[in-house]
Amino acid sequence: MGETLHAVATAPQVQSLALAGFTVLAALLAERQRAVNAFFERWGLVGGMLLVAWHDLGDSHAG
């Protein structure tokens, strides 16, 4: 009977550790996603600026 009580007592500890591990994993994945999002956002801004510059250069030679 003592073993059953011990098993029940450790279940919340295991669940707490699992929740802590899940939280750390979720935080790392979220940080990675933010970094990737910022990377592509900056490339999008650079592409937009290059497109505007290319468009402006094309208009200045036309007339």
N, C-alpha and C. Protein backbone atom coordinates (compact mmCIF):
# COMPACT_ATOMS: atom_id res chain seq x y z
N MET A 1 0.82 -1.18 0.00
CA MET A 1 0.00 0.00 0.00
C MET A 1 0.87 1.25 0.00
N GLY A 2 2.02 1.20 0.64
CA GLY A 2 2.92 2.35 0.66
C GLY A 2 3.45 2.68 -0.73
N GLU A 3 3.63 1.66 -1.57
CA GLU A 3 4.11 1.89 -2.93
C GLU A 3 3.06 2.64 -3.75
N THR A 4 1.80 2.34 -3.55
CA THR A 4 0.73 3.01 -4.27
C THR A 4 0.69 4.49 -3.90
N LEU A 5 0.83 4.80 -2.63
CA LEU A 5 0.84 6.20 -2.20
C LEU A 5 2.04 6.93 -2.78
N HIS A 6 3.18 6.25 -2.84
CA HIS A 6 4.38 6.86 -3.40
C HIS A 6 4.18 7.14 -4.90
N ALA A 7 3.56 6.21 -5.61
CA ALA A 7 3.31 6.40 -7.04
C ALA A 7 2.36 7.56 -7.28
N VAL A 8 1.36 7.69 -6.44
CA VAL A 8 0.41 8.79 -6.57
C VAL A 8 1.08 10.12 -6.25
N ALA A 9 1.98 10.11 -5.29
CA ALA A 9 2.66 11.34 -4.88
C ALA A 9 3.63 11.82 -5.96
N THR A 10 4.23 10.92 -6.72
CA THR A 10 5.19 11.34 -7.74
C THR A 10 4.53 11.73 -9.05
N ALA A 11 3.28 11.33 -9.26
CA ALA A 11 2.61 11.68 -10.51
C ALA A 11 2.51 13.19 -10.71
N PRO A 12 2.13 13.99 -9.71
CA PRO A 12 2.09 15.44 -9.91
C PRO A 12 3.48 16.02 -10.19
N GLN A 13 4.51 15.42 -9.59
CA GLN A 13 5.87 15.90 -9.84
C GLN A 13 6.26 15.65 -11.29
N VAL A 14 5.93 14.48 -11.79
CA VAL A 14 6.23 14.16 -13.19
C VAL A 14 5.44 15.07 -14.12
N GLN A 15 4.19 15.30 -13.78
CA GLN A 15 3.37 16.19 -14.60
C GLN A 15 3.91 17.61 -14.58
N SER A 16 4.38 18.05 -13.43
CA SER A 16 4.96 19.39 -13.33
C SER A 16 6.22 19.50 -14.16
N LEU A 17 7.06 18.48 -14.12
CA LEU A 17 8.27 18.48 -14.94
C LEU A 17 7.94 18.45 -16.43
N ALA A 18 6.93 17.68 -16.79
CA ALA A 18 6.51 17.63 -18.20
C ALA A 18 5.98 18.98 -18.65
N LEU A 19 5.21 19.64 -17.81
CA LEU A 19 4.69 20.96 -18.13
C LEU A 19 5.82 21.98 -18.25
N ALA A 20 6.81 21.90 -17.37
CA ALA A 20 7.96 22.80 -17.44
C ALA A 20 8.74 22.57 -18.74
N GLY A 21 8.94 21.31 -19.10
CA GLY A 21 9.64 21.01 -20.35
C GLY A 21 8.88 21.50 -21.56
N PHE A 22 7.58 21.32 -21.55
CA PHE A 22 6.75 21.80 -22.66
C PHE A 22 6.82 23.32 -22.76
N THR A 23 6.81 24.00 -21.62
CA THR A 23 6.86 25.47 -21.61
C THR A 23 8.18 25.97 -22.18
N VAL A 24 9.28 25.35 -21.79
CA VAL A 24 10.59 25.74 -22.32
C VAL A 24 10.65 25.48 -23.82
N LEU A 25 10.17 24.34 -24.26
CA LEU A 25 10.17 24.02 -25.69
C LEU A 25 9.32 25.01 -26.47
N ALA A 26 8.16 25.35 -25.95
CA ALA A 26 7.28 26.31 -26.63
C ALA A 26 7.94 27.69 -26.70
N ALA A 27 8.63 28.09 -25.65
CA ALA A 27 9.31 29.39 -25.65
C ALA A 27 10.43 29.41 -26.68
N LEU A 28 11.19 28.33 -26.77
CA LEU A 28 12.28 28.27 -27.75
C LEU A 28 11.75 28.29 -29.18
N LEU A 29 10.68 27.55 -29.43
CA LEU A 29 10.09 27.54 -30.76
C LEU A 29 9.50 28.90 -31.12
N ALA A 30 8.89 29.55 -30.16
CA ALA A 30 8.31 30.88 -30.42
C ALA A 30 9.42 31.88 -30.72
N GLU A 31 10.53 31.80 -29.99
CA GLU A 31 11.65 32.72 -30.24
C GLU A 31 12.23 32.46 -31.63
N ARG A 32 12.33 31.20 -32.01
CA ARG A 32 12.86 30.87 -33.33
C ARG A 32 11.92 31.40 -34.42
N GLN A 33 10.63 31.25 -34.20
CA GLN A 33 9.66 31.73 -35.18
C GLN A 33 9.72 33.25 -35.31
N ARG A 34 9.88 33.96 -34.18
CA ARG A 34 10.01 35.42 -34.24
C ARG A 34 11.25 35.82 -35.00
N ALA A 35 12.35 35.10 -34.79
CA ALA A 35 13.60 35.42 -35.49
C ALA A 35 13.45 35.19 -36.99
N VAL A 36 12.83 34.08 -37.37
CA VAL A 36 12.62 33.80 -38.79
C VAL A 36 11.68 34.83 -39.40
N ASN A 37 10.64 35.20 -38.67
CA ASN A 37 9.70 36.20 -39.16
C ASN A 37 10.40 37.54 -39.38
N ALA A 38 11.25 37.94 -38.43
CA ALA A 38 11.98 39.20 -38.57
C ALA A 38 12.93 39.15 -39.76
N PHE A 39 13.56 38.01 -39.98
CA PHE A 39 14.48 37.85 -41.11
C PHE A 39 13.75 38.06 -42.43
N PHE A 40 12.63 37.38 -42.61
CA PHE A 40 11.90 37.51 -43.87
C PHE A 40 11.22 38.87 -44.00
N GLU A 41 10.83 39.46 -42.88
CA GLU A 41 10.24 40.80 -42.93
C GLU A 41 11.27 41.81 -43.44
N ARG A 42 12.49 41.68 -42.99
CA ARG A 42 13.54 42.60 -43.45
C ARG A 42 13.86 42.40 -44.92
N TRP A 43 13.87 41.14 -45.36
CA TRP A 43 14.11 40.90 -46.78
C TRP A 43 12.96 41.46 -47.62
N GLY A 44 11.75 41.39 -47.10
CA GLY A 44 10.61 41.98 -47.80
C GLY A 44 10.75 43.49 -47.91
N LEU A 45 11.20 44.13 -46.84
CA LEU A 45 11.42 45.58 -46.88
C LEU A 45 12.51 45.95 -47.88
N VAL A 46 13.60 45.19 -47.87
CA VAL A 46 14.69 45.45 -48.82
C VAL A 46 14.19 45.27 -50.25
N GLY A 47 13.43 44.21 -50.50
CA GLY A 47 12.89 43.98 -51.84
C GLY A 47 11.96 45.10 -52.27
N GLY A 48 11.12 45.57 -51.36
CA GLY A 48 10.22 46.67 -51.68
C GLY A 48 10.97 47.94 -52.01
N MET A 49 12.01 48.24 -51.24
CA MET A 49 12.81 49.44 -51.51
C MET A 49 13.54 49.34 -52.84
N LEU A 50 14.07 48.16 -53.14
CA LEU A 50 14.73 47.96 -54.44
C LEU A 50 13.74 48.10 -55.59
N LEU A 51 12.54 47.61 -55.41
CA LEU A 51 11.51 47.72 -56.44
C LEU A 51 11.14 49.19 -56.69
N VAL A 52 11.00 49.96 -55.62
CA VAL A 52 10.69 51.39 -55.77
C VAL A 52 11.85 52.11 -56.45
N ALA A 53 13.08 51.81 -56.05
CA ALA A 53 14.24 52.45 -56.67
C ALA A 53 14.32 52.09 -58.15
N TRP A 54 14.07 50.83 -58.48
CA TRP A 54 14.12 50.39 -59.87
C TRP A 54 13.03 51.10 -60.68
N HIS A 55 11.85 51.22 -60.09
CA HIS A 55 10.75 51.90 -60.76
C HIS A 55 11.08 53.39 -60.97
N ASP A 56 11.65 54.03 -59.96
CA ASP A 56 12.03 55.45 -60.09
C ASP A 56 13.12 55.65 -61.13
N LEU A 57 14.08 54.77 -61.18
CA LEU A 57 15.15 54.89 -62.19
C LEU A 57 14.60 54.69 -63.59
N GLY A 58 13.65 53.80 -63.74
CA GLY A 58 13.03 53.58 -65.04
C GLY A 58 12.24 54.78 -65.51
N ASP A 59 11.58 55.47 -64.60
CA ASP A 59 10.80 56.66 -64.96
C ASP A 59 11.69 57.84 -65.32
N SER A 60 12.84 57.97 -64.69
CA SER A 60 13.70 59.14 -64.95
C SER A 60 14.32 59.07 -66.34
N HIS A 61 14.54 57.91 -66.88
CA HIS A 61 15.12 57.78 -68.22
C HIS A 61 14.06 57.90 -69.31
N ALA A 62 12.80 57.75 -68.96
CA ALA A 62 11.74 57.77 -69.96
C ALA A 62 11.36 59.19 -70.38
N GLY A 63 11.59 60.18 -69.55
CA GLY A 63 11.05 61.44 -69.98
C GLY A 63 11.68 62.61 -69.39
